[in-house]
C-alpha atoms as a PDB file:
ATOM      1  CA  UNK A   1      -0.020  -0.037   0.044  1.00  0.00           C
ATOM      2  CA  UNK A   2       1.363   3.553  -0.751  1.00  0.00           C
ATOM      3  CA  UNK A   3       1.870   6.131   1.754  1.00  0.00           C
ATOM      4  CA  UNK A   4      -0.641   9.072   2.216  1.00  0.00           C
ATOM      5  CA  UNK A   5       2.174  11.489   0.980  1.00  0.00           C
ATOM      6  CA  UNK A   6       2.563   9.385  -2.309  1.00  0.00           C
ATOM      7  CA  UNK A   7      -1.339   9.157  -2.836  1.00  0.00           C
ATOM      8  CA  UNK A   8      -1.464  12.926  -2.402  1.00  0.00           C
ATOM      9  CA  UNK A   9       1.389  13.652  -4.759  1.00  0.00           C
ATOM     10  CA  UNK A  10      -0.167  11.458  -7.454  1.00  0.00           C
ATOM     11  CA  UNK A  11      -3.525  12.954  -7.034  1.00  0.00           C
ATOM     12  CA  UNK A  12      -2.444  16.509  -7.187  1.00  0.00           C
ATOM     13  CA  UNK A  13      -0.344  15.754 -10.121  1.00  0.00           C
ATOM     14  CA  UNK A  14      -3.120  14.337 -12.012  1.00  0.00           C
ATOM     15  CA  UNK A  15      -5.504  17.418 -11.041  1.00  0.00           C
ATOM     16  CA  UNK A  16      -4.158  19.757 -13.537  1.00  0.00           C
ATOM     17  CA  UNK A  17      -7.202  21.884 -13.094  1.00  0.00           C
ATOM     18  CA  UNK A  18      -5.986  23.020  -9.630  1.00  0.00           C
ATOM     19  CA  UNK A  19      -4.940  26.668  -9.542  1.00  0.00           C
ATOM     20  CA  UNK A  20      -3.151  26.296  -6.224  1.00  0.00           C
ATOM     21  CA  UNK A  21      -2.761  23.965  -3.257  1.00  0.00           C
ATOM     22  CA  UNK A  22      -2.497  24.714   0.459  1.00  0.00           C
ATOM     23  CA  UNK A  23      -0.829  22.114   2.744  1.00  0.00           C
ATOM     24  CA  UNK A  24       2.026  21.361   4.892  1.00  0.00           C
ATOM     25  CA  UNK A  25       5.607  21.509   3.880  1.00  0.00           C
ATOM     26  CA  UNK A  26       5.770  17.828   3.484  1.00  0.00           C
ATOM     27  CA  UNK A  27       2.651  17.774   1.318  1.00  0.00           C
ATOM     28  CA  UNK A  28       3.918  20.524  -0.961  1.00  0.00           C
ATOM     29  CA  UNK A  29       7.253  18.818  -1.450  1.00  0.00           C
ATOM     30  CA  UNK A  30       5.690  15.488  -2.078  1.00  0.00           C
ATOM     31  CA  UNK A  31       3.389  17.193  -4.668  1.00  0.00           C
ATOM     32  CA  UNK A  32       6.491  18.708  -6.406  1.00  0.00           C
ATOM     33  CA  UNK A  33       8.381  15.277  -5.861  1.00  0.00           C
ATOM     34  CA  UNK A  34      11.226  16.836  -4.071  1.00  0.00           C
ATOM     35  CA  UNK A  35      12.563  16.658  -0.585  1.00  0.00           C
ATOM     36  CA  UNK A  36      11.131  19.379   1.852  1.00  0.00           C
ATOM     37  CA  UNK A  37      14.640  20.965   2.383  1.00  0.00           C
ATOM     38  CA  UNK A  38      15.170  21.254  -1.439  1.00  0.00           C
ATOM     39  CA  UNK A  39      11.868  23.230  -1.667  1.00  0.00           C
ATOM     40  CA  UNK A  40      12.713  25.469   1.385  1.00  0.00           C
ATOM     41  CA  UNK A  41      16.179  26.265   0.152  1.00  0.00           C
ATOM     42  CA  UNK A  42      15.020  27.390  -3.350  1.00  0.00           C
ATOM     43  CA  UNK A  43      12.137  29.306  -1.994  1.00  0.00           C
ATOM     44  CA  UNK A  44      14.373  31.137   0.509  1.00  0.00           C
ATOM     45  CA  UNK A  45      16.788  31.930  -2.269  1.00  0.00           C
ATOM     46  CA  UNK A  46      13.881  33.376  -4.460  1.00  0.00           C
ATOM     47  CA  UNK A  47      14.547  30.772  -7.130  1.00  0.00           C
ATOM     48  CA  UNK A  48      10.913  29.325  -6.836  1.00  0.00           C
ATOM     49  CA  UNK A  49       8.450  32.191  -6.756  1.00  0.00           C
ATOM     50  CA  UNK A  50       5.310  29.978  -7.214  1.00  0.00           C
ATOM     51  CA  UNK A  51       5.425  28.631  -3.623  1.00  0.00           C
ATOM     52  CA  UNK A  52       5.163  30.453  -0.358  1.00  0.00           C
ATOM     53  CA  UNK A  53       4.702  29.730   3.293  1.00  0.00           C
ATOM     54  CA  UNK A  54       2.086  31.580   5.560  1.00  0.00           C
ATOM     55  CA  UNK A  55       1.095  30.655   9.125  1.00  0.00           C
ATOM     56  CA  UNK A  56       2.810  27.283   8.661  1.00  0.00           C
ATOM     57  CA  UNK A  57       0.958  26.332   5.584  1.00  0.00           C
ATOM     58  CA  UNK A  58       2.500  26.308   2.133  1.00  0.00           C
ATOM     59  CA  UNK A  59       0.750  27.592  -1.030  1.00  0.00           C
ATOM     60  CA  UNK A  60       2.123  25.872  -4.303  1.00  0.00           C
ATOM     61  CA  UNK A  61       0.709  26.985  -7.626  1.00  0.00           C
ATOM     62  CA  UNK A  62       0.129  24.244 -10.171  1.00  0.00           C
ATOM     63  CA  UNK A  63       2.909  26.070 -12.226  1.00  0.00           C
ATOM     64  CA  UNK A  64       5.317  25.282  -9.318  1.00  0.00           C
ATOM     65  CA  UNK A  65       4.935  21.469  -9.626  1.00  0.00           C
ATOM     66  CA  UNK A  66       6.116  21.575 -13.269  1.00  0.00           C
ATOM     67  CA  UNK A  67       8.715  24.025 -12.307  1.00  0.00           C
ATOM     68  CA  UNK A  68      10.195  21.839  -9.510  1.00  0.00           C
ATOM     69  CA  UNK A  69      10.414  18.862 -11.686  1.00  0.00           C
ATOM     70  CA  UNK A  70      12.222  20.892 -14.383  1.00  0.00           C
ATOM     71  CA  UNK A  71      14.599  22.411 -11.893  1.00  0.00           C
ATOM     72  CA  UNK A  72      15.321  19.128 -10.125  1.00  0.00           C
ATOM     73  CA  UNK A  73      15.824  17.432 -13.464  1.00  0.00           C
ATOM     74  CA  UNK A  74      18.312  19.983 -14.674  1.00  0.00           C
ATOM     75  CA  UNK A  75      20.119  19.904 -11.359  1.00  0.00           C
ATOM     76  CA  UNK A  76      20.520  16.161 -11.423  1.00  0.00           C
ATOM     77  CA  UNK A  77      21.064  15.664 -15.189  1.00  0.00           C
ATOM     78  CA  UNK A  78      23.738  18.433 -15.744  1.00  0.00           C
ATOM     79  CA  UNK A  79      24.993  18.704 -12.209  1.00  0.00           C
ATOM     80  CA  UNK A  80      23.740  22.405 -12.352  1.00  0.00           C
ATOM     81  CA  UNK A  81      23.732  24.938  -9.562  1.00  0.00           C
ATOM     82  CA  UNK A  82      20.167  25.790  -8.407  1.00  0.00           C
ATOM     83  CA  UNK A  83      20.446  29.161  -9.873  1.00  0.00           C
ATOM     84  CA  UNK A  84      21.382  27.880 -13.251  1.00  0.00           C
ATOM     85  CA  UNK A  85      18.477  25.401 -13.073  1.00  0.00           C
ATOM     86  CA  UNK A  86      16.076  28.290 -12.316  1.00  0.00           C
ATOM     87  CA  UNK A  87      17.244  30.261 -15.222  1.00  0.00           C
ATOM     88  CA  UNK A  88      16.728  27.452 -17.465  1.00  0.00           C
ATOM     89  CA  UNK A  89      13.322  26.805 -16.037  1.00  0.00           C
ATOM     90  CA  UNK A  90      12.556  30.396 -16.551  1.00  0.00           C
ATOM     91  CA  UNK A  91      13.536  30.116 -20.196  1.00  0.00           C
ATOM     92  CA  UNK A  92      11.639  26.952 -20.855  1.00  0.00           C
ATOM     93  CA  UNK A  93       8.501  28.645 -19.252  1.00  0.00           C
ATOM     94  CA  UNK A  94       8.787  31.525 -21.461  1.00  0.00           C
ATOM     95  CA  UNK A  95       9.105  29.130 -24.494  1.00  0.00           C
ATOM     96  CA  UNK A  96       5.969  27.345 -23.325  1.00  0.00           C
ATOM     97  CA  UNK A  97       4.059  30.669 -23.028  1.00  0.00           C
ATOM     98  CA  UNK A  98       5.166  31.732 -26.523  1.00  0.00           C
ATOM     99  CA  UNK A  99       3.810  28.425 -28.010  1.00  0.00           C
ATOM    100  CA  UNK A 100       0.313  29.041 -26.745  1.00  0.00           C
END
């Protein structure tokens, strides 16, 4: 049986109609498929503008879920610094907007 966090992450990833999500740090990180510390570091560094913490609850936009996956993949695949991964994610997001 899968854990509640895994179920939550899968459910949120499948629900593309969601504009934003409010939950705990662990739920937000699970939705983005990253470790909580990874998410906190990038938010505090200003590299992840689509997530924020207010009163212990995290707000994560649907855009943030895709951005986290892109950034994490870039960091791992190319051994890139978080700042570089964020820049590349910005460029990919701009490309995606121009295609619409």
